[in-house]
Amino acid sequence: MQQDNGIRTGWRFRFLRWSLLIVLAGSGFTSNPIEPASPAADPPGPDRFSVVQVEYTEYTWWMIRWGSNKFICELKTDHEGLPTIADVYSDCLPDDYDDWVNQKPCAEHDVNLCKGNYLVLIDSQPAQKEVATKLPSSSVQVSLENCNPVYTSSTSICEAEPILILNGIEPLPEHRILRIEGLYAGQTFVCDAHCRLRLPITGGNGETLQFWAFSSYGDSSPIFNALVRVAQADSNDPDQVFWYVDVLSRQWMGVPVASCVGTWETLPPIGGPQEWLSTPTQSETLGTDIPYNYLAANLIRKGIVDASDCENSGLQEDGNASTCGIDKARNAVIARQNQFDGIILNVAKDTGVPANLLKNLFAKESQFWPGIGAKDDVGLGQLTEQGADTTLMWNPPFFSQFCPLVMDSAECKKGYLGLEEDQMRLARLSLIQAVNATCEDCPLGIDLDRANFSIGVFAHTLLANCEQAGQLVKNVNAVQTAGSVSTYEDLWKFSLVNYHAGPGCLGDALDLAHVKNLEMTWENVSPNLSAGCVGAFEYVNDISE
């Protein structure tokens, strides 16, 4: 994956530079309004603090001059160990602070010959102090009434007129939610702590909902946002009417939304995405029986399949399996291509990355042989150092989890781009090694535990690529969201180009399409892939078809 043919470095700098530049019809829709008044224009937002008394040990230090034992200043600290630079700055005069900061460590054999000052602990005793603590704010949860979640399609089906529920949550037991206010498709509403909103049919792009809660504490929750889409399904039976409802919001409590929709701020097609972007309920549904040549050749080469009665033991001069070798390996090939299905399904549920997409990608990249490929790409998804760079840069939560496994946690807090170049390379190479299942001492030469672990890594790599691809679409088109100019499916195809060929290939193709005033669709962008990137076209089509 991610072979840019020298384009990548230049485009990376261009990309970073670009990054720096950058309805409901009149009927009422609240089913239980408390009053017709308009909501407050500017809710105050959360403002909650509590002052508590805490016990601690107070330490008294004196700063004293070497040789003369002259008293300089007194310091009070609330922590064990020597006073910090900040403590000295707070309790001593500016000149004394400057002397302390600038003095060199003393290496004299006789301390009386030392220059400067030293610290000595004088006393310690129990003490109390007041500490301001931030209290949890109120919030609002979003759900649907009498609708059934369809997890395989990341949508909900309602057999009756859809009702959206806004439920105010007050975490402080001595207080309660007074009301919920909001704005939907330009129309204001006010209702009590449990709000029921009737949802009429929207356009394909949905309608925007803003909402917030007021508490007896005297403040409000933050302002929350949701994108709501309602479409009536065509069942070809007038007696069987039902609706598809999709909600995109951080407060959503229903069926998990499809991956990357929050990044792109777009919704999958009504009724759910195409099969290659879906996740089945059972791992058996992922099963395939494709006679993969590369997988068969590796199984023969490792002695897993006995093809000794075939000419040249079932292998051709180019290293591929012969027709006889493929036939001998058929059962083993079917078993091997399906052995990861359970893990793929679990990872898909955990990350939101479609299970069918993951399996199709592994089929295209490695044919489910999780070792080192012909081009030294590694693992089920054939990770390269450039691909590892994308993963660590564009998926900060994953970097935060992975980095402490390979270097000091304090360094990891700087973020990937805050590391020194040698540290960044260490992180990249460590990630590549983490997905490399090649193992000389393991049965069959493959570490299956590492292969299983790598599936989650590749899922997070895809999430990183959807982040970068979405940013490229926004930069090229000078828009706030990628979803405003591209569809969910097209954005996934752009992400696959980014994964396979890198941001240089994708960015140039997007740029050319934009210059030609073309819509940001796969059909319009893909013909603009340069000669060095044209392989990405077949790559995307193979995975999506």
Protein backbone atom coordinates (compact mmCIF):
# COMPACT_ATOMS: atom_id res chain seq x y z
CA MET A 1 0.00 0.00 0.00
CA GLN A 2 0.91 3.66 -0.45
CA GLN A 3 3.41 3.66 -3.29
CA ASP A 4 3.69 7.28 -4.45
CA ASN A 5 6.59 7.03 -6.89
CA GLY A 6 8.29 10.08 -5.44
CA ILE A 7 5.15 12.22 -5.45
CA ARG A 8 4.36 11.81 -1.77
CA THR A 9 6.94 14.09 -0.17
CA GLY A 10 6.15 17.11 -2.30
CA TRP A 11 2.43 16.68 -1.94
CA ARG A 12 2.76 16.28 1.82
CA PHE A 13 4.19 19.78 2.11
CA ARG A 14 1.56 21.17 -0.26
CA PHE A 15 -1.13 19.44 1.75
CA LEU A 16 0.12 20.91 5.03
CA ARG A 17 0.19 24.36 3.44
CA TRP A 18 -3.38 24.01 2.21
CA SER A 19 -4.45 22.88 5.66
CA LEU A 20 -3.32 26.20 7.03
CA LEU A 21 -5.55 28.13 4.50
CA ILE A 22 -8.34 26.76 4.98
CA VAL A 23 -36.34 21.93 6.22
CA LEU A 24 -39.10 21.38 8.07
CA ALA A 25 -42.28 22.75 6.47
CA GLY A 26 -44.38 25.02 8.73
CA SER A 27 -46.18 22.39 10.84
CA GLY A 28 -45.31 22.16 14.55
CA PHE A 29 -43.22 19.18 15.48
CA THR A 30 -43.05 19.05 19.28
CA SER A 31 -45.52 16.57 20.68
CA ASN A 32 -45.29 17.90 24.25
CA PRO A 33 -44.33 21.61 24.27
CA ILE A 34 -44.57 23.35 27.63
CA GLU A 35 -45.09 26.78 26.15
CA PRO A 36 -45.02 28.44 22.74
CA ALA A 37 -42.30 30.90 23.68
CA SER A 38 -39.13 31.04 21.61
CA PRO A 39 -35.98 29.52 23.12
CA ALA A 40 -33.23 31.64 24.52
CA ALA A 41 -30.95 32.99 21.83
CA ASP A 42 -27.78 32.29 23.72
CA PRO A 43 -27.92 29.56 26.35
CA PRO A 44 -25.33 30.26 29.06
CA GLY A 45 -23.68 26.87 28.84
CA PRO A 46 -22.28 24.86 31.75
CA ASP A 47 -20.77 26.78 34.66
CA ARG A 48 -20.25 24.39 37.54
CA PHE A 49 -17.57 24.45 40.19
CA SER A 50 -17.38 23.24 43.76
CA VAL A 51 -14.87 24.39 46.39
CA VAL A 52 -13.77 21.61 48.74
CA GLN A 53 -11.34 21.40 51.64
CA VAL A 54 -8.52 18.93 51.08
CA GLU A 55 -5.86 17.79 53.50
CA TYR A 56 -2.22 17.77 52.52
CA THR A 57 1.28 17.96 53.95
CA GLU A 58 2.88 21.40 53.87
CA TYR A 59 6.67 21.45 53.54
CA THR A 60 8.77 24.45 54.62
CA TRP A 61 12.12 25.00 52.89
CA TRP A 62 14.81 27.62 53.33
CA MET A 63 17.09 28.80 50.60
CA ILE A 64 20.53 29.50 52.11
CA ARG A 65 23.79 30.86 50.74
CA TRP A 66 26.73 28.44 50.53
CA GLY A 67 29.64 29.36 52.82
CA SER A 68 27.98 32.21 54.73
CA ASN A 69 24.76 30.29 55.53
CA LYS A 70 22.86 33.51 54.86
CA PHE A 71 19.07 33.10 54.76
CA ILE A 72 17.69 34.04 51.30
CA CYS A 73 14.00 33.13 51.27
CA GLU A 74 11.40 30.70 52.60
CA LEU A 75 9.38 28.36 50.36
CA LYS A 76 6.13 26.54 51.10
CA THR A 77 5.30 23.46 48.96
CA ASP A 78 2.45 20.94 48.90
CA HIS A 79 4.36 18.06 47.31
CA GLU A 80 7.14 15.69 48.22
CA GLY A 81 10.64 16.21 46.89
CA LEU A 82 12.64 19.36 46.25
CA PRO A 83 10.86 22.60 45.39
CA THR A 84 10.38 23.10 41.67
CA ILE A 85 11.48 26.07 39.58
CA ALA A 86 7.88 27.29 39.78
CA ASP A 87 8.01 27.12 43.59
CA VAL A 88 11.17 29.23 43.67
CA TYR A 89 9.62 31.74 41.25
CA SER A 90 6.50 32.03 43.43
CA ASP A 91 8.11 32.42 46.86
CA CYS A 92 11.47 34.15 46.25
CA LEU A 93 12.48 37.55 44.92
CA PRO A 94 13.17 37.84 41.17
CA ASP A 95 16.94 38.30 41.71
CA ASP A 96 17.06 35.23 43.95
CA TYR A 97 15.12 33.25 41.35
CA ASP A 98 17.55 34.33 38.60
CA ASP A 99 20.53 33.32 40.77
CA TRP A 100 18.94 29.91 41.42
CA VAL A 101 18.18 29.25 37.75
CA ASN A 102 21.56 30.37 36.48
CA GLN A 103 23.86 28.80 39.10
CA LYS A 104 25.84 25.71 38.07
CA PRO A 105 25.96 22.44 40.01
CA CYS A 106 28.66 22.44 42.66
CA ALA A 107 31.49 19.95 42.15
CA GLU A 108 33.79 21.20 44.93
CA HIS A 109 35.20 18.64 47.38
CA ASP A 110 34.42 21.09 50.18
CA VAL A 111 30.83 22.43 50.06
CA ASN A 112 31.97 25.62 51.76
CA LEU A 113 33.75 26.46 48.51
CA CYS A 114 30.49 26.19 46.50
CA LYS A 115 29.04 29.29 44.90
CA GLY A 116 25.36 30.14 45.01
CA ASN A 117 22.50 28.86 47.16
CA TYR A 118 21.11 25.58 48.44
CA LEU A 119 17.77 24.35 49.84
CA VAL A 120 17.17 22.72 53.20
CA LEU A 121 13.93 21.22 54.56
CA ILE A 122 12.96 22.98 57.79
CA ASP A 123 9.54 21.57 58.69
CA SER A 124 6.54 19.56 57.52
CA GLN A 125 3.06 19.54 59.03
CA PRO A 126 -0.56 18.66 58.12
CA ALA A 127 -2.50 21.46 56.44
CA GLN A 128 -5.75 22.15 54.59
CA LYS A 129 -6.54 24.13 51.47
CA GLU A 130 -9.52 24.95 49.26
CA VAL A 131 -9.57 23.38 45.81
CA ALA A 132 -12.01 24.30 43.02
CA THR A 133 -13.41 21.21 41.31
CA LYS A 134 -15.29 21.26 37.99
CA LEU A 135 -18.62 19.46 38.27
CA PRO A 136 -20.19 17.41 35.44
CA SER A 137 -22.56 19.39 33.26
CA SER A 138 -26.07 18.46 32.20
CA SER A 139 -26.55 16.80 28.84
CA VAL A 140 -29.17 15.52 26.43
CA GLN A 141 -29.39 12.02 24.98
CA VAL A 142 -30.95 11.32 21.58
CA SER A 143 -32.89 8.16 20.68
CA LEU A 144 -35.86 6.97 18.62
CA GLU A 145 -39.24 5.76 19.84
CA ASN A 146 -40.63 2.44 18.60
CA CYS A 147 -37.97 1.98 15.92
CA ASN A 148 -35.83 -1.08 15.26
CA PRO A 149 -32.08 -0.74 14.80
CA VAL A 150 -30.53 -2.41 11.74
CA TYR A 151 -26.93 -2.92 12.81
CA THR A 152 -25.80 -4.37 9.49
CA SER A 153 -26.73 -1.14 7.70
CA SER A 154 -26.16 1.39 10.51
CA THR A 155 -29.74 2.66 10.21
CA SER A 156 -33.12 2.35 11.96
CA ILE A 157 -36.50 1.22 10.60
CA CYS A 158 -39.72 2.70 12.00
CA GLU A 159 -43.09 1.10 11.27
CA ALA A 160 -44.95 4.13 12.65
CA GLU A 161 -44.35 7.86 12.19
CA PRO A 162 -40.83 8.44 13.58
CA ILE A 163 -40.55 10.11 16.98
CA LEU A 164 -37.20 11.51 18.08
CA ILE A 165 -36.61 11.47 21.84
CA LEU A 166 -34.50 14.13 23.56
CA ASN A 167 -33.91 13.08 27.15
CA GLY A 168 -32.35 15.62 29.52
CA ILE A 169 -29.72 14.20 31.89
CA GLU A 170 -28.80 15.94 35.17
CA PRO A 171 -25.83 14.23 36.89
CA LEU A 172 -26.19 16.21 40.14
CA PRO A 173 -28.78 14.43 42.34
CA GLU A 174 -29.98 17.61 44.06
CA HIS A 175 -30.88 19.24 40.74
CA ARG A 176 -33.12 18.47 37.74
CA ILE A 177 -33.63 19.36 34.09
CA LEU A 178 -36.19 22.15 33.74
CA ARG A 179 -36.67 22.15 29.99
CA ILE A 180 -35.09 21.44 26.63
CA GLU A 181 -34.86 24.07 23.91
CA GLY A 182 -33.69 23.84 20.36
CA LEU A 183 -33.85 24.65 16.70
CA TYR A 184 -34.82 22.21 13.94
CA ALA A 185 -34.77 23.19 10.28
CA GLY A 186 -35.13 26.85 11.23
CA GLN A 187 -38.04 26.31 13.64
CA THR A 188 -37.62 26.78 17.40
CA PHE A 189 -39.08 24.52 20.04
CA VAL A 190 -39.35 24.32 23.83
CA CYS A 191 -40.36 21.18 25.73
CA ASP A 192 -39.89 19.49 29.07
CA ALA A 193 -37.06 17.23 30.21
CA HIS A 194 -38.34 14.34 28.09
CA CYS A 195 -38.97 15.77 24.65
CA ARG A 196 -40.79 13.95 21.80
CA LEU A 197 -40.32 15.39 18.31
CA ARG A 198 -42.34 14.16 15.38
CA LEU A 199 -40.04 13.75 12.39
CA PRO A 200 -41.44 14.49 8.93
CA ILE A 201 -39.69 13.23 5.81
CA THR A 202 -36.53 15.17 5.02
CA GLY A 203 -34.42 15.58 1.93
CA GLY A 204 -31.61 13.16 1.16
CA ASN A 205 -29.12 15.37 2.97
CA GLY A 206 -31.21 15.47 6.16
CA GLU A 207 -32.02 18.38 8.45
CA THR A 208 -29.89 19.98 11.16
CA LEU A 209 -31.03 19.85 14.78
CA GLN A 210 -29.57 21.96 17.61
CA PHE A 211 -30.63 21.37 21.21
CA TRP A 212 -29.67 22.10 24.80
CA ALA A 213 -31.04 21.61 28.31
CA PHE A 214 -31.63 24.07 31.16
CA SER A 215 -31.02 22.88 34.72
CA SER A 216 -32.25 23.97 38.15
CA TYR A 217 -28.56 24.50 38.90
CA GLY A 218 -28.94 27.80 37.03
CA ASP A 219 -26.96 26.95 33.90
CA SER A 220 -27.48 25.01 30.68
CA SER A 221 -25.84 22.12 28.93
CA PRO A 222 -23.56 22.76 25.96
CA ILE A 223 -25.29 23.21 22.60
CA PHE A 224 -25.51 19.81 20.89
CA ASN A 225 -25.95 19.12 17.18
CA ALA A 226 -27.50 16.34 15.16
CA LEU A 227 -28.06 15.60 11.50
CA VAL A 228 -31.41 13.84 11.06
CA ARG A 229 -32.60 12.15 7.89
CA VAL A 230 -36.02 10.54 7.44
CA ALA A 231 -37.04 8.70 4.28
CA GLN A 232 -40.12 6.66 3.56
CA ALA A 233 -39.26 3.23 2.22
CA ASP A 234 -40.78 1.98 -0.99
CA SER A 235 -42.20 -1.43 -0.08
CA ASN A 236 -44.49 -1.67 -3.14
CA ASP A 237 -47.30 -2.35 -0.69
CA PRO A 238 -49.50 0.62 0.42
CA ASP A 239 -50.51 -1.33 3.53
CA GLN A 240 -46.90 -1.70 4.66
CA VAL A 241 -45.43 1.74 5.19
CA PHE A 242 -42.20 2.22 7.07
CA TRP A 243 -39.44 4.79 7.39
CA TYR A 244 -35.66 4.78 7.41
CA VAL A 245 -34.24 7.13 10.06
CA ASP A 246 -30.58 8.08 10.40
CA VAL A 247 -29.17 10.28 13.16
CA LEU A 248 -25.63 11.61 13.26
CA SER A 249 -24.82 13.08 16.69
CA ARG A 250 -22.38 12.59 19.54
CA GLN A 251 -25.45 12.31 21.79
CA TRP A 252 -27.01 9.50 19.76
CA MET A 253 -27.87 6.41 21.84
CA GLY A 254 -29.18 4.19 19.06
CA VAL A 255 -27.56 1.96 16.43
CA PRO A 256 -23.87 2.86 15.94
CA VAL A 257 -23.36 5.09 12.94
CA ALA A 258 -21.21 3.96 10.04
CA SER A 259 -17.50 4.64 10.29
CA CYS A 260 -16.10 7.98 9.14
CA VAL A 261 -19.51 9.67 8.83
CA GLY A 262 -18.57 11.98 11.69
CA THR A 263 -15.32 12.94 9.97
CA TRP A 264 -16.98 13.52 6.62
CA GLU A 265 -20.30 14.81 8.05
CA THR A 266 -22.32 12.81 5.60
CA LEU A 267 -24.72 9.91 5.89
CA PRO A 268 -24.68 6.54 4.11
CA PRO A 269 -27.27 5.94 1.39
CA ILE A 270 -30.87 5.66 2.55
CA GLY A 271 -31.46 2.12 3.73
CA GLY A 272 -27.79 1.50 4.33
CA PRO A 273 -24.62 1.36 2.22
CA GLN A 274 -23.78 -1.13 -0.50
CA GLU A 275 -22.73 -4.61 0.55
CA TRP A 276 -18.99 -3.95 0.35
CA LEU A 277 -19.44 -1.22 2.97
CA SER A 278 -21.65 -3.28 5.27
CA THR A 279 -21.11 -5.57 8.25
CA PRO A 280 -23.11 -8.81 8.58
CA THR A 281 -24.45 -10.12 11.86
CA GLN A 282 -22.72 -13.48 11.53
CA SER A 283 -19.10 -14.22 10.60
CA GLU A 284 -20.27 -17.10 8.38
CA THR A 285 -21.73 -14.52 6.00
CA LEU A 286 -18.19 -13.30 5.30
CA GLY A 287 -17.17 -16.75 4.04
CA THR A 288 -15.68 -17.07 0.54
CA ASP A 289 -14.26 -19.90 -1.58
CA ILE A 290 -12.00 -18.12 -4.07
CA PRO A 291 -9.01 -20.13 -5.46
CA TYR A 292 -6.30 -17.59 -4.55
CA ASN A 293 -3.09 -18.36 -6.45
CA TYR A 294 -0.67 -16.48 -4.19
CA LEU A 295 -2.15 -18.07 -1.06
CA ALA A 296 -1.99 -21.54 -2.63
CA ALA A 297 1.66 -21.05 -3.59
CA ASN A 298 2.59 -20.03 -0.04
CA LEU A 299 0.73 -22.99 1.45
CA ILE A 300 2.61 -25.34 -0.89
CA ARG A 301 5.95 -23.64 -0.26
CA LYS A 302 5.53 -23.91 3.52
CA GLY A 303 4.61 -27.59 3.30
CA ILE A 304 1.05 -27.04 4.50
CA VAL A 305 -0.19 -28.53 1.22
CA ASP A 306 1.41 -31.61 -0.35
CA ALA A 307 1.59 -31.10 -4.11
CA SER A 308 4.52 -33.46 -4.66
CA ASP A 309 2.67 -35.46 -7.31
CA CYS A 310 2.21 -32.27 -9.41
CA GLU A 311 4.85 -31.20 -11.92
CA ASN A 312 7.49 -29.10 -10.11
CA SER A 313 5.58 -29.78 -6.86
CA GLY A 314 2.69 -27.56 -7.94
CA LEU A 315 4.74 -24.39 -8.45
CA GLN A 316 5.53 -22.50 -11.64
CA GLU A 317 8.88 -20.88 -12.44
CA ASP A 318 7.49 -17.45 -11.51
CA GLY A 319 6.63 -18.72 -8.02
CA ASN A 320 2.86 -18.92 -8.54
CA ALA A 321 0.90 -22.11 -8.07
CA SER A 322 0.18 -24.21 -11.13
CA THR A 323 -3.28 -25.44 -12.01
CA CYS A 324 -2.46 -28.74 -10.33
CA GLY A 325 -1.08 -26.94 -7.28
CA ILE A 326 -4.21 -24.80 -6.97
CA ASP A 327 -6.36 -27.90 -7.15
CA LYS A 328 -4.31 -29.66 -4.45
CA ALA A 329 -4.49 -26.57 -2.20
CA ARG A 330 -8.20 -25.86 -2.71
CA ASN A 331 -9.47 -27.01 0.71
CA ALA A 332 -6.58 -25.39 2.57
CA VAL A 333 -7.04 -22.14 0.62
CA ILE A 334 -10.74 -22.01 1.53
CA ALA A 335 -9.95 -22.66 5.20
CA ARG A 336 -7.17 -20.03 5.31
CA GLN A 337 -9.15 -17.25 3.62
CA ASN A 338 -11.94 -17.65 6.16
CA GLN A 339 -9.93 -18.26 9.35
CA PHE A 340 -9.93 -14.55 10.26
CA ASP A 341 -13.65 -13.91 9.69
CA GLY A 342 -14.60 -13.96 13.38
CA ILE A 343 -11.85 -11.47 14.28
CA ILE A 344 -12.76 -9.26 11.32
CA LEU A 345 -16.37 -9.12 12.48
CA ASN A 346 -15.40 -8.24 16.06
CA VAL A 347 -12.99 -5.53 14.89
CA ALA A 348 -15.68 -4.12 12.60
CA LYS A 349 -18.10 -3.86 15.52
CA ASP A 350 -15.44 -2.21 17.72
CA THR A 351 -14.15 0.32 15.16
CA GLY A 352 -17.08 0.85 12.81
CA VAL A 353 -14.97 -0.10 9.79
CA PRO A 354 -17.17 -2.28 7.54
CA ALA A 355 -16.33 -5.98 7.85
CA ASN A 356 -16.78 -6.63 4.12
CA LEU A 357 -14.40 -3.78 3.32
CA LEU A 358 -11.75 -5.23 5.63
CA LYS A 359 -12.05 -8.70 4.15
CA ASN A 360 -12.01 -7.43 0.56
CA LEU A 361 -8.94 -5.33 1.31
CA PHE A 362 -7.06 -8.28 2.82
CA ALA A 363 -8.01 -10.38 -0.19
CA LYS A 364 -6.63 -7.77 -2.58
CA GLU A 365 -3.48 -6.94 -0.61
CA SER A 366 -2.24 -10.33 0.64
CA GLN A 367 -4.76 -13.05 -0.23
CA PHE A 368 -4.82 -13.66 3.53
CA TRP A 369 -1.12 -14.58 3.79
CA PRO A 370 -0.03 -12.34 6.71
CA GLY A 371 3.70 -12.32 6.09
CA ILE A 372 6.01 -10.15 3.99
CA GLY A 373 4.87 -9.57 0.41
CA ALA A 374 6.83 -9.43 -2.81
CA LYS A 375 7.50 -5.68 -2.41
CA ASP A 376 8.42 -6.00 1.29
CA ASP A 377 4.97 -4.75 2.25
CA VAL A 378 3.93 -6.39 5.51
CA GLY A 379 0.91 -8.20 6.92
CA LEU A 380 -2.65 -8.91 5.85
CA GLY A 381 -3.06 -5.33 4.64
CA GLN A 382 0.53 -4.96 3.33
CA LEU A 383 1.64 -2.05 5.49
CA THR A 384 4.55 0.14 4.35
CA GLU A 385 6.50 2.77 6.24
CA GLN A 386 4.52 5.47 4.39
CA GLY A 387 1.30 3.74 5.41
CA ALA A 388 2.46 3.58 9.03
CA ASP A 389 3.21 7.31 8.86
CA THR A 390 -0.38 7.99 7.76
CA THR A 391 -1.79 5.80 10.53
CA LEU A 392 0.18 7.48 13.30
CA MET A 393 -0.31 11.02 11.99
CA TRP A 394 -4.00 10.90 11.10
CA ASN A 395 -5.32 8.68 13.88
CA PRO A 396 -4.17 10.40 17.10
CA PRO A 397 -6.23 8.16 19.45
CA PHE A 398 -4.52 5.10 17.99
CA PHE A 399 -1.11 6.78 18.27
CA SER A 400 -1.79 7.55 21.94
CA GLN A 401 -2.52 3.88 22.58
CA PHE A 402 0.33 2.46 20.51
CA CYS A 403 3.17 4.86 21.28
CA PRO A 404 3.67 3.94 25.00
CA LEU A 405 4.29 0.36 23.88
CA VAL A 406 7.49 1.40 22.12
CA MET A 407 8.77 4.53 23.88
CA ASP A 408 8.49 6.64 27.04
CA SER A 409 4.98 7.88 27.80
CA ALA A 410 6.25 11.42 28.38
CA GLU A 411 7.55 11.53 24.81
CA CYS A 412 4.28 10.13 23.49
CA LYS A 413 2.34 13.04 25.01
CA LYS A 414 4.02 15.32 22.43
CA GLY A 415 1.97 13.65 19.69
CA TYR A 416 3.37 12.03 16.58
CA LEU A 417 4.37 15.29 14.89
CA GLY A 418 5.99 16.47 18.14
CA LEU A 419 8.52 13.62 18.14
CA GLU A 420 12.06 13.83 16.85
CA GLU A 421 12.57 12.30 13.40
CA ASP A 422 14.39 9.26 14.80
CA GLN A 423 11.53 8.72 17.26
CA MET A 424 8.96 8.99 14.47
CA ARG A 425 10.83 6.39 12.45
CA LEU A 426 11.03 4.12 15.49
CA ALA A 427 7.24 4.39 15.88
CA ARG A 428 6.69 3.62 12.18
CA LEU A 429 9.00 0.60 12.13
CA SER A 430 7.52 -0.67 15.38
CA LEU A 431 4.02 -0.50 13.89
CA ILE A 432 5.16 -2.40 10.81
CA GLN A 433 6.72 -5.05 13.01
CA ALA A 434 3.51 -5.31 15.02
CA VAL A 435 1.58 -6.45 11.92
CA ASN A 436 4.32 -8.72 10.54
CA ALA A 437 3.21 -12.26 11.30
CA THR A 438 6.29 -13.89 9.76
CA CYS A 439 7.88 -16.12 12.43
CA GLU A 440 10.62 -18.67 11.72
CA ASP A 441 10.09 -20.49 15.01
CA CYS A 442 6.28 -20.64 14.73
CA PRO A 443 4.30 -23.51 13.25
CA LEU A 444 3.98 -23.00 9.49
CA GLY A 445 6.17 -19.90 9.79
CA ILE A 446 3.23 -17.65 10.77
CA ASP A 447 2.43 -16.13 14.16
CA LEU A 448 -1.37 -16.34 14.12
CA ASP A 449 -1.73 -14.31 17.33
CA ARG A 450 0.10 -11.42 15.71
CA ALA A 451 -1.94 -11.83 12.53
CA ASN A 452 -5.14 -11.63 14.56
CA PHE A 453 -3.87 -8.55 16.40
CA SER A 454 -2.96 -6.86 13.12
CA ILE A 455 -6.58 -6.82 11.93
CA GLY A 456 -7.39 -4.11 14.47
CA VAL A 457 -4.31 -2.15 13.39
CA PHE A 458 -5.40 -2.21 9.75
CA ALA A 459 -8.89 -1.07 10.74
CA HIS A 460 -7.36 1.94 12.48
CA THR A 461 -5.17 2.49 9.43
CA LEU A 462 -8.29 2.71 7.28
CA LEU A 463 -9.78 5.23 9.72
CA ALA A 464 -6.61 7.32 9.41
CA ASN A 465 -6.90 7.24 5.63
CA CYS A 466 -10.55 8.30 5.69
CA GLU A 467 -9.48 11.27 7.86
CA GLN A 468 -6.72 12.29 5.45
CA ALA A 469 -8.83 11.72 2.35
CA GLY A 470 -11.65 13.80 3.83
CA GLN A 471 -9.23 16.64 4.60
CA LEU A 472 -7.90 16.54 1.04
CA VAL A 473 -11.43 16.84 -0.35
CA LYS A 474 -12.11 19.80 1.95
CA ASN A 475 -8.84 21.54 1.04
CA VAL A 476 -9.19 21.13 -2.72
CA ASN A 477 -12.79 22.33 -2.76
CA ALA A 478 -12.45 24.95 0.01
CA VAL A 479 -15.46 23.55 1.90
CA GLN A 480 -16.17 22.94 5.56
CA THR A 481 -17.09 19.26 5.22
CA ALA A 482 -16.13 16.57 2.73
CA GLY A 483 -19.70 15.30 2.82
CA SER A 484 -20.97 18.55 1.31
CA VAL A 485 -19.35 17.73 -2.06
CA SER A 486 -18.98 13.91 -2.04
CA THR A 487 -21.08 10.91 -1.08
CA TYR A 488 -20.31 8.35 1.61
CA GLU A 489 -19.41 5.67 -0.92
CA ASP A 490 -17.24 7.97 -3.05
CA LEU A 491 -15.36 9.17 0.02
CA TRP A 492 -14.57 5.57 0.93
CA LYS A 493 -13.24 5.03 -2.60
CA PHE A 494 -11.05 8.13 -2.22
CA SER A 495 -9.83 6.72 1.09
CA LEU A 496 -8.83 3.48 -0.64
CA VAL A 497 -6.82 5.47 -3.22
CA ASN A 498 -5.13 7.22 -0.31
CA TYR A 499 -4.43 3.85 1.34
CA HIS A 500 -3.05 2.20 -1.78
CA ALA A 501 -1.29 5.02 -3.63
CA GLY A 502 -0.90 7.82 -1.10
CA PRO A 503 -2.15 11.41 -0.71
CA GLY A 504 -0.12 12.63 -3.68
CA CYS A 505 -2.06 10.48 -6.12
CA LEU A 506 -5.41 11.31 -4.56
CA GLY A 507 -4.70 15.01 -4.13
CA ASP A 508 -3.59 15.54 -7.73
CA ALA A 509 -6.64 13.69 -9.07
CA LEU A 510 -8.98 15.75 -6.87
CA ASP A 511 -7.21 18.94 -7.92
CA LEU A 512 -7.60 18.19 -11.63
CA ALA A 513 -11.28 17.35 -11.21
CA HIS A 514 -11.82 20.61 -9.34
CA VAL A 515 -10.02 22.63 -12.02
CA LYS A 516 -12.37 21.07 -14.58
CA ASN A 517 -15.38 22.07 -12.42
CA LEU A 518 -16.38 18.44 -12.04
CA GLU A 519 -18.41 17.07 -9.16
CA MET A 520 -16.38 15.12 -6.59
CA THR A 521 -17.57 11.67 -7.63
CA TRP A 522 -15.49 8.55 -8.19
CA GLU A 523 -16.50 8.55 -11.86
CA ASN A 524 -15.17 12.12 -12.27
CA VAL A 525 -12.05 11.88 -10.11
CA SER A 526 -10.66 8.45 -11.04
CA PRO A 527 -9.93 9.30 -14.73
CA ASN A 528 -7.62 12.06 -13.44
CA LEU A 529 -5.27 9.63 -11.69
CA SER A 530 -1.79 10.10 -13.15
CA ALA A 531 0.12 7.37 -14.98
CA GLY A 532 2.05 6.45 -11.84
CA CYS A 533 -1.18 6.16 -9.86
CA VAL A 534 -3.52 4.58 -12.40
CA GLY A 535 -3.24 1.18 -10.66
CA ALA A 536 -5.38 2.62 -7.87
CA PHE A 537 -8.39 2.57 -10.22
CA GLU A 538 -8.35 -1.21 -10.58
CA TYR A 539 -7.49 -1.55 -6.88
CA VAL A 540 -10.60 0.36 -5.78
CA ASN A 541 -12.88 -1.36 -8.24
CA ASP A 542 -11.66 -4.82 -7.18
CA ILE A 543 -12.40 -4.07 -3.53
CA SER A 544 -15.74 -2.35 -4.13
CA GLU A 545 -17.08 -4.83 -6.69
